[in-house]
Amino acid sequence: MIWLQILAVLVALEFFYIMYLETVVPTSEATGRVFSMSQADLKHEKVQLLFKNQGVYNGLIGLFVLVAAFWQLTWLLPLLLYILLVAAYGAFSAGKVGLFFKQGGLALLTLVVLLFV
């Protein structure tokens, strides 16, 4: 059970980091590097609005993963499946298979551990 909680915390931290990039420092070099975007694109007003909105969702996913891991374990399976579906969609729409593992690798590992707990 401890390994499951450690992995879930790592998944949550990943989502909190993405939230930080999207809502707190959306025009930073780190944000540009993570999302493969130029500074000019990052400074566009509509991109800023979309990032901030997306950041709130990512923060909530991180929060719910923590709640599930420590207080409501039955929530963890649907959350991990959702994360993996979003990662698969992102990889498919970007045409980059590796993106699935970048976005969903920790969630996939956590899901495997969850299935054996």
C-alpha atoms as a PDB file:
ATOM      1  CA  MET A   1       0.000   0.000   0.000  1.00  0.00           C
ATOM      2  CA  ILE A   2       2.865   2.383   0.723  1.00  0.00           C
ATOM      3  CA  TRP A   3       4.215   2.000  -2.841  1.00  0.00           C
ATOM      4  CA  LEU A   4       0.804   2.841  -4.212  1.00  0.00           C
ATOM      5  CA  GLN A   5       0.642   5.987  -2.100  1.00  0.00           C
ATOM      6  CA  ILE A   6       4.170   7.033  -3.082  1.00  0.00           C
ATOM      7  CA  LEU A   7       3.375   6.617  -6.770  1.00  0.00           C
ATOM      8  CA  ALA A   8       0.051   8.434  -6.376  1.00  0.00           C
ATOM      9  CA  VAL A   9       1.830  11.346  -4.707  1.00  0.00           C
ATOM     10  CA  LEU A  10       4.243  11.473  -7.660  1.00  0.00           C
ATOM     11  CA  VAL A  11       1.299  11.526 -10.084  1.00  0.00           C
ATOM     12  CA  ALA A  12      -0.283  14.350  -8.072  1.00  0.00           C
ATOM     13  CA  LEU A  13       2.996  16.292  -7.979  1.00  0.00           C
ATOM     14  CA  GLU A  14       3.256  15.994 -11.751  1.00  0.00           C
ATOM     15  CA  PHE A  15      -0.197  17.557 -12.095  1.00  0.00           C
ATOM     16  CA  PHE A  16       0.612  20.285  -9.564  1.00  0.00           C
ATOM     17  CA  TYR A  17       3.776  21.094 -11.523  1.00  0.00           C
ATOM     18  CA  ILE A  18       1.774  21.369 -14.741  1.00  0.00           C
ATOM     19  CA  MET A  19      -0.726  23.581 -12.905  1.00  0.00           C
ATOM     20  CA  TYR A  20       2.153  25.764 -11.723  1.00  0.00           C
ATOM     21  CA  LEU A  21       3.505  26.109 -15.257  1.00  0.00           C
ATOM     22  CA  GLU A  22       0.093  26.931 -16.695  1.00  0.00           C
ATOM     23  CA  THR A  23      -1.215  29.311 -14.029  1.00  0.00           C
ATOM     24  CA  VAL A  24       1.737  30.852 -12.180  1.00  0.00           C
ATOM     25  CA  VAL A  25       4.519  31.061 -14.787  1.00  0.00           C
ATOM     26  CA  PRO A  26       2.781  30.604 -18.155  1.00  0.00           C
ATOM     27  CA  THR A  27       5.354  32.696 -20.049  1.00  0.00           C
ATOM     28  CA  SER A  28       8.469  31.146 -18.512  1.00  0.00           C
ATOM     29  CA  GLU A  29      11.171  29.331 -20.447  1.00  0.00           C
ATOM     30  CA  ALA A  30      10.286  26.140 -18.545  1.00  0.00           C
ATOM     31  CA  THR A  31       6.671  26.391 -19.726  1.00  0.00           C
ATOM     32  CA  GLY A  32       7.820  26.910 -23.291  1.00  0.00           C
ATOM     33  CA  ARG A  33      10.156  23.934 -23.064  1.00  0.00           C
ATOM     34  CA  VAL A  34       7.568  21.603 -21.519  1.00  0.00           C
ATOM     35  CA  PHE A  35       4.853  22.517 -24.021  1.00  0.00           C
ATOM     36  CA  SER A  36       7.201  23.068 -26.994  1.00  0.00           C
ATOM     37  CA  MET A  37       5.970  26.626 -27.509  1.00  0.00           C
ATOM     38  CA  SER A  38       7.750  29.847 -28.395  1.00  0.00           C
ATOM     39  CA  GLN A  39       7.742  32.869 -26.110  1.00  0.00           C
ATOM     40  CA  ALA A  40       5.601  34.725 -28.652  1.00  0.00           C
ATOM     41  CA  ASP A  41       2.982  31.965 -28.526  1.00  0.00           C
ATOM     42  CA  LEU A  42       3.055  31.846 -24.732  1.00  0.00           C
ATOM     43  CA  LYS A  43       2.438  35.596 -24.484  1.00  0.00           C
ATOM     44  CA  HIS A  44      -0.668  35.463 -26.664  1.00  0.00           C
ATOM     45  CA  GLU A  45      -3.693  36.504 -24.594  1.00  0.00           C
ATOM     46  CA  LYS A  46      -5.868  33.553 -25.656  1.00  0.00           C
ATOM     47  CA  VAL A  47      -3.098  31.076 -24.869  1.00  0.00           C
ATOM     48  CA  GLN A  48      -2.766  32.633 -21.414  1.00  0.00           C
ATOM     49  CA  LEU A  49      -6.505  32.250 -20.834  1.00  0.00           C
ATOM     50  CA  LEU A  50      -6.527  28.640 -22.021  1.00  0.00           C
ATOM     51  CA  PHE A  51      -3.479  27.778 -19.909  1.00  0.00           C
ATOM     52  CA  LYS A  52      -4.954  29.258 -16.746  1.00  0.00           C
ATOM     53  CA  ASN A  53      -8.208  27.368 -17.266  1.00  0.00           C
ATOM     54  CA  GLN A  54      -6.369  24.127 -18.008  1.00  0.00           C
ATOM     55  CA  GLY A  55      -4.147  24.696 -14.981  1.00  0.00           C
ATOM     56  CA  VAL A  56      -7.147  24.724 -12.650  1.00  0.00           C
ATOM     57  CA  TYR A  57      -8.261  21.358 -14.035  1.00  0.00           C
ATOM     58  CA  ASN A  58      -4.790  19.889 -13.630  1.00  0.00           C
ATOM     59  CA  GLY A  59      -4.587  21.121 -10.052  1.00  0.00           C
ATOM     60  CA  LEU A  60      -7.931  19.525  -9.240  1.00  0.00           C
ATOM     61  CA  ILE A  61      -6.852  16.219 -10.764  1.00  0.00           C
ATOM     62  CA  GLY A  62      -3.743  16.321  -8.578  1.00  0.00           C
ATOM     63  CA  LEU A  63      -5.850  17.071  -5.506  1.00  0.00           C
ATOM     64  CA  PHE A  64      -8.297  14.255  -6.258  1.00  0.00           C
ATOM     65  CA  VAL A  65      -5.453  11.790  -6.790  1.00  0.00           C
ATOM     66  CA  LEU A  66      -4.153  12.648  -3.307  1.00  0.00           C
ATOM     67  CA  VAL A  67      -7.616  12.311  -1.759  1.00  0.00           C
ATOM     68  CA  ALA A  68      -8.068   8.969  -3.499  1.00  0.00           C
ATOM     69  CA  ALA A  69      -4.675   7.635  -2.434  1.00  0.00           C
ATOM     70  CA  PHE A  70      -5.078   8.499   1.236  1.00  0.00           C
ATOM     71  CA  TRP A  71      -8.796   8.623   1.990  1.00  0.00           C
ATOM     72  CA  GLN A  72     -10.973   7.273  -0.826  1.00  0.00           C
ATOM     73  CA  LEU A  73      -9.106   4.512  -2.632  1.00  0.00           C
ATOM     74  CA  THR A  74     -12.104   3.622  -4.809  1.00  0.00           C
ATOM     75  CA  TRP A  75     -11.638   6.930  -6.651  1.00  0.00           C
ATOM     76  CA  LEU A  76      -8.110   6.089  -7.737  1.00  0.00           C
ATOM     77  CA  LEU A  77      -8.946   3.616 -10.508  1.00  0.00           C
ATOM     78  CA  PRO A  78     -11.264   5.960 -12.458  1.00  0.00           C
ATOM     79  CA  LEU A  79      -8.860   8.871 -11.992  1.00  0.00           C
ATOM     80  CA  LEU A  80      -5.902   6.883 -13.307  1.00  0.00           C
ATOM     81  CA  LEU A  81      -7.949   5.610 -16.241  1.00  0.00           C
ATOM     82  CA  TYR A  82      -8.969   9.186 -17.034  1.00  0.00           C
ATOM     83  CA  ILE A  83      -5.353  10.339 -16.920  1.00  0.00           C
ATOM     84  CA  LEU A  84      -4.341   7.501 -19.246  1.00  0.00           C
ATOM     85  CA  LEU A  85      -7.164   8.282 -21.689  1.00  0.00           C
ATOM     86  CA  VAL A  86      -6.133  11.937 -21.793  1.00  0.00           C
ATOM     87  CA  ALA A  87      -2.498  10.918 -22.332  1.00  0.00           C
ATOM     88  CA  ALA A  88      -3.552   8.572 -25.145  1.00  0.00           C
ATOM     89  CA  TYR A  89      -5.630  11.297 -26.769  1.00  0.00           C
ATOM     90  CA  GLY A  90      -2.745  13.767 -26.494  1.00  0.00           C
ATOM     91  CA  ALA A  91      -0.310  11.284 -28.027  1.00  0.00           C
ATOM     92  CA  PHE A  92      -2.745  10.421 -30.813  1.00  0.00           C
ATOM     93  CA  SER A  93      -3.640  14.027 -31.637  1.00  0.00           C
ATOM     94  CA  ALA A  94       0.020  15.122 -31.603  1.00  0.00           C
ATOM     95  CA  GLY A  95       1.129  12.072 -33.563  1.00  0.00           C
ATOM     96  CA  LYS A  96       3.790  11.264 -30.969  1.00  0.00           C
ATOM     97  CA  VAL A  97       3.551   7.855 -29.272  1.00  0.00           C
ATOM     98  CA  GLY A  98       6.223   8.828 -26.742  1.00  0.00           C
ATOM     99  CA  LEU A  99       3.968  11.583 -25.474  1.00  0.00           C
ATOM    100  CA  PHE A 100       1.692   8.920 -23.972  1.00  0.00           C
ATOM    101  CA  PHE A 101       4.472   7.687 -21.701  1.00  0.00           C
ATOM    102  CA  LYS A 102       5.601  11.213 -20.895  1.00  0.00           C
ATOM    103  CA  GLN A 103       2.089  12.227 -19.807  1.00  0.00           C
ATOM    104  CA  GLY A 104       0.809   8.910 -18.537  1.00  0.00           C
ATOM    105  CA  GLY A 105       3.835   6.869 -17.536  1.00  0.00           C
ATOM    106  CA  LEU A 106       3.542   7.472 -13.804  1.00  0.00           C
ATOM    107  CA  ALA A 107      -0.207   6.948 -13.921  1.00  0.00           C
ATOM    108  CA  LEU A 108       0.278   3.661 -15.794  1.00  0.00           C
ATOM    109  CA  LEU A 109       2.792   2.436 -13.232  1.00  0.00           C
ATOM    110  CA  THR A 110       0.462   3.498 -10.416  1.00  0.00           C
ATOM    111  CA  LEU A 111      -2.418   1.653 -12.080  1.00  0.00           C
ATOM    112  CA  VAL A 112      -0.369  -1.543 -12.306  1.00  0.00           C
ATOM    113  CA  VAL A 113       0.476  -1.323  -8.594  1.00  0.00           C
ATOM    114  CA  LEU A 114      -3.169  -0.548  -7.763  1.00  0.00           C
ATOM    115  CA  LEU A 115      -4.324  -3.688  -9.583  1.00  0.00           C
ATOM    116  CA  PHE A 116      -2.050  -5.832  -7.425  1.00  0.00           C
ATOM    117  CA  VAL A 117      -2.928  -4.273  -4.054  1.00  0.00           C
END
